[in-house]
N, C-alpha and C. Protein backbone atom coordinates (compact mmCIF):
# COMPACT_ATOMS: atom_id res chain seq x y z
N UNK A 1 -6.50 -2.19 -6.71
CA UNK A 1 -6.87 -0.54 -6.61
C UNK A 1 -4.71 -0.34 -6.93
N UNK A 2 -5.12 0.61 -7.01
CA UNK A 2 -2.99 1.54 -7.31
C UNK A 2 -2.74 1.60 -6.24
N UNK A 3 -1.23 1.27 -5.98
CA UNK A 3 -0.24 1.34 -5.55
C UNK A 3 -0.28 2.82 -4.13
N UNK A 4 -1.10 3.63 -4.89
CA UNK A 4 -0.48 4.82 -4.20
C UNK A 4 -2.03 4.63 -2.63
N UNK A 5 -3.43 3.99 -2.65
CA UNK A 5 -3.91 4.10 -1.98
C UNK A 5 -4.11 2.24 -1.73
N UNK A 6 -2.91 1.75 -2.24
CA UNK A 6 -3.22 0.62 -1.76
C UNK A 6 -1.55 1.11 0.21
N UNK A 7 -0.92 1.43 -0.08
CA UNK A 7 -0.05 2.04 1.10
C UNK A 7 -0.79 2.32 1.16
N UNK A 8 -1.69 3.79 1.16
CA UNK A 8 -2.16 4.01 2.66
C UNK A 8 -2.78 3.11 2.76
N UNK A 9 -3.66 2.58 2.38
CA UNK A 9 -4.63 1.34 3.00
C UNK A 9 -3.85 0.51 4.50
N UNK A 10 -2.67 0.12 3.77
CA UNK A 10 -1.47 -1.25 4.11
C UNK A 10 -1.15 0.03 5.72
N UNK A 11 -0.74 1.20 5.28
CA UNK A 11 -0.05 2.63 6.84
C UNK A 11 -1.95 2.46 7.81
N UNK A 12 -3.21 2.94 6.82
CA UNK A 12 -3.90 2.94 7.59
C UNK A 12 -3.48 1.56 8.40
N UNK A 13 -4.43 0.14 8.36
CA UNK A 13 -4.09 -0.64 8.78
C UNK A 13 -2.87 -1.23 9.89
N UNK A 14 -1.32 -0.86 9.47
CA UNK A 14 -0.83 -1.52 11.11
C UNK A 14 -0.80 0.31 11.63
N UNK A 15 -0.93 0.87 11.46
CA UNK A 15 -1.11 2.00 12.80
C UNK A 15 -2.46 1.12 13.65
N UNK A 16 -3.35 1.06 13.23
CA UNK A 16 -4.97 0.95 13.53
C UNK A 16 -4.98 0.20 14.29
N UNK A 17 -4.36 -1.01 13.67
CA UNK A 17 -3.69 -2.39 14.54
C UNK A 17 -3.83 -2.39 16.34
N UNK A 18 -2.61 -1.43 16.32
CA UNK A 18 -2.59 -0.79 18.24
C UNK A 18 -1.62 -2.09 17.80
N UNK A 19 -0.78 -2.68 17.33
CA UNK A 19 0.21 -3.07 18.50
C UNK A 19 0.61 -2.75 18.68
N UNK A 20 1.25 -3.23 20.18
CA UNK A 20 2.24 -2.87 20.54
C UNK A 20 4.40 -2.59 21.07
N UNK A 21 4.30 -3.90 19.56
CA UNK A 21 5.76 -4.45 18.83
C UNK A 21 6.21 -2.71 18.02
N UNK A 22 4.66 -1.99 17.69
CA UNK A 22 4.79 -1.74 15.60
C UNK A 22 4.58 -0.48 16.80
N UNK A 23 6.12 0.25 16.85
CA UNK A 23 6.08 2.30 16.64
C UNK A 23 5.52 3.02 15.59
N UNK A 24 5.35 2.30 13.72
CA UNK A 24 5.40 3.90 13.29
C UNK A 24 5.72 2.11 11.88
N UNK A 25 4.93 3.71 11.19
CA UNK A 25 5.18 3.23 9.60
C UNK A 25 5.90 4.50 8.80
N UNK A 26 6.59 4.71 8.15
CA UNK A 26 7.11 5.13 7.44
C UNK A 26 7.42 5.49 5.02
N UNK A 27 7.31 5.89 4.46
CA UNK A 27 7.59 5.98 3.03
C UNK A 27 8.66 5.80 3.11
N UNK A 28 10.13 5.40 2.49
CA UNK A 28 11.59 5.43 2.69
C UNK A 28 11.43 5.26 0.68
N UNK A 29 12.27 6.30 0.49
CA UNK A 29 12.62 6.73 -1.13
C UNK A 29 13.59 5.05 -1.29
N UNK A 30 14.04 4.69 -1.72
CA UNK A 30 15.48 4.37 -2.13
C UNK A 30 16.19 4.37 -3.78
N UNK A 31 15.49 5.15 -4.05
CA UNK A 31 16.46 5.17 -5.45
C UNK A 31 16.15 4.88 -6.25
N UNK A 32 16.42 4.95 -6.52
CA UNK A 32 16.26 4.23 -8.14
C UNK A 32 15.41 2.27 -8.23
N UNK A 33 15.77 2.19 -6.29
CA UNK A 33 14.76 0.52 -5.85
C UNK A 33 13.52 1.15 -6.07
N UNK A 34 13.57 2.01 -5.80
CA UNK A 34 11.73 2.07 -5.74
C UNK A 34 10.92 3.51 -3.89
N UNK A 35 10.17 2.97 -3.95
CA UNK A 35 9.35 3.51 -2.19
C UNK A 35 9.51 2.27 -1.81
N UNK A 36 9.46 2.57 -0.47
CA UNK A 36 9.00 1.29 0.59
C UNK A 36 8.53 1.41 1.89
N UNK A 37 7.75 1.23 2.36
CA UNK A 37 6.75 1.19 3.33
C UNK A 37 8.37 0.62 4.62
N UNK A 38 8.44 1.60 5.62
CA UNK A 38 9.31 0.72 6.72
C UNK A 38 8.93 0.51 7.88
N UNK A 39 8.37 -0.21 8.21
CA UNK A 39 8.30 -0.64 9.89
C UNK A 39 8.97 -0.60 10.34
N UNK A 40 8.80 0.50 11.56
CA UNK A 40 9.51 0.11 12.63
C UNK A 40 9.63 -0.92 14.49
N UNK A 41 9.63 -0.98 14.48
CA UNK A 41 9.23 -2.01 16.30
C UNK A 41 10.25 -1.38 17.26
N UNK A 42 10.00 -1.36 19.11
CA UNK A 42 10.26 -1.05 19.98
C UNK A 42 11.69 -1.56 19.61
N UNK A 43 12.11 -2.61 19.42
CA UNK A 43 12.86 -3.97 19.27
C UNK A 43 13.90 -3.38 18.79
N UNK A 44 13.88 -2.38 17.66
CA UNK A 44 14.81 -2.14 16.77
C UNK A 44 15.29 -2.62 16.05
N UNK A 45 13.93 -3.80 15.09
CA UNK A 45 13.99 -4.45 14.16
C UNK A 45 12.94 -3.61 13.04
N UNK A 46 13.18 -3.02 11.22
CA UNK A 46 12.93 -2.37 10.21
C UNK A 46 13.04 -2.99 9.61
N UNK A 47 11.11 -3.62 9.04
CA UNK A 47 11.20 -4.62 8.31
C UNK A 47 11.25 -3.64 7.03
N UNK A 48 10.93 -3.54 5.41
CA UNK A 48 11.55 -2.41 4.21
C UNK A 48 9.75 -3.36 3.90
N UNK A 49 8.40 -3.22 2.91
CA UNK A 49 7.49 -3.13 2.63
C UNK A 49 7.44 -3.02 1.08
N UNK A 50 7.84 -3.09 0.14
CA UNK A 50 7.68 -2.83 -1.22
C UNK A 50 6.17 -3.07 -2.07
N UNK A 51 6.21 -1.98 -2.16
CA UNK A 51 4.32 -2.34 -3.25
C UNK A 51 5.00 -2.70 -4.42
N UNK A 52 4.77 -3.37 -4.71
CA UNK A 52 4.05 -4.31 -6.66
C UNK A 52 2.61 -4.15 -7.61
N UNK A 53 2.67 -4.06 -8.12
CA UNK A 53 1.23 -4.45 -9.12
C UNK A 53 1.98 -4.32 -10.64
N UNK A 54 0.74 -5.17 -11.20
CA UNK A 54 0.50 -4.94 -12.04
C UNK A 54 -0.14 -5.76 -13.08
N UNK A 55 -1.03 -5.97 -14.56
CA UNK A 55 -2.35 -5.60 -15.66
C UNK A 55 -2.32 -6.25 -16.28
N UNK A 56 -3.13 -7.29 -16.68
CA UNK A 56 -2.45 -8.05 -17.57
C UNK A 56 -2.95 -7.08 -18.90
N UNK A 57 -2.64 -7.43 -20.34
CA UNK A 57 -2.19 -7.02 -21.21
C UNK A 57 -3.86 -6.73 -21.46
N UNK A 58 -3.98 -5.24 -21.90
CA UNK A 58 -5.45 -4.83 -22.63
C UNK A 58 -6.01 -4.55 -21.30
N UNK A 59 -5.59 -4.35 -20.14
CA UNK A 59 -5.59 -3.72 -18.62
C UNK A 59 -5.94 -2.70 -18.02
N UNK A 60 -5.73 -1.86 -17.28
CA UNK A 60 -5.41 -1.14 -16.48
C UNK A 60 -4.77 0.44 -16.92
N UNK A 61 -5.69 1.50 -17.85
CA UNK A 61 -4.49 2.08 -17.72
C UNK A 61 -3.25 3.47 -17.07
N UNK A 62 -3.14 4.28 -16.82
CA UNK A 62 -2.37 4.25 -15.81
C UNK A 62 -2.09 5.10 -16.02
N UNK A 63 -2.57 5.72 -17.66
CA UNK A 63 -3.25 7.73 -17.96
C UNK A 63 -4.00 7.99 -17.22
N UNK A 64 -5.07 6.90 -17.19
CA UNK A 64 -5.82 7.99 -17.29
C UNK A 64 -6.21 6.94 -15.33
N UNK A 65 -7.52 8.10 -14.45
CA UNK A 65 -7.67 8.53 -13.48
C UNK A 65 -7.79 7.05 -12.62
N UNK A 66 -7.24 6.62 -12.35
CA UNK A 66 -8.60 4.55 -10.78
C UNK A 66 -9.76 4.86 -11.29
N UNK A 67 -10.47 3.48 -11.40
CA UNK A 67 -11.96 3.69 -11.37
C UNK A 67 -11.58 2.74 -10.87
N UNK A 68 -12.58 3.25 -8.99
CA UNK A 68 -12.89 2.62 -8.03
C UNK A 68 -14.05 1.63 -7.83
N UNK A 69 -13.79 0.79 -7.61
CA UNK A 69 -14.43 0.05 -8.23
C UNK A 69 -15.15 -1.34 -6.57
N UNK A 70 -16.68 -0.46 -5.73
CA UNK A 70 -16.60 -1.95 -4.83
C UNK A 70 -17.83 -2.52 -5.07
N UNK A 71 -17.73 -2.80 -3.97
CA UNK A 71 -18.33 -4.45 -3.42
C UNK A 71 -20.05 -3.83 -3.74
N UNK A 72 -20.11 -2.94 -3.18
CA UNK A 72 -22.01 -3.21 -3.66
C UNK A 72 -22.19 -2.56 -4.31
N UNK A 73 -21.17 -1.73 -4.98
CA UNK A 73 -21.17 -1.64 -7.34
C UNK A 73 -21.72 -2.66 -7.56
N UNK A 74 -21.09 -4.00 -7.77
CA UNK A 74 -21.06 -4.86 -7.73
C UNK A 74 -22.57 -6.37 -7.41
N UNK A 75 -22.67 -5.45 -6.72
CA UNK A 75 -23.97 -6.16 -6.40
C UNK A 75 -24.91 -5.50 -6.71
N UNK A 76 -25.39 -4.03 -7.24
CA UNK A 76 -26.15 -3.86 -7.38
C UNK A 76 -26.24 -4.20 -9.71
N UNK A 77 -25.89 -4.61 -9.93
CA UNK A 77 -26.13 -4.30 -11.52
C UNK A 77 -26.49 -6.09 -12.01
């Protein structure tokens, strides 16, 4: 799963958990350090989550569209 889809899933999960102490999640651009997801809490604490990924040699080619593999697809093989 590539970063954009994983970030969206993470935001959806955090917001969907409906935790009483979580105010929200926002994407923050930290310039050369990259983008983070900032989780804000009612007590004023903010936690930055940096999502990174890698692929083995001859792994996923990021110049091509992502191939989404689902559990159901694997079971049909």
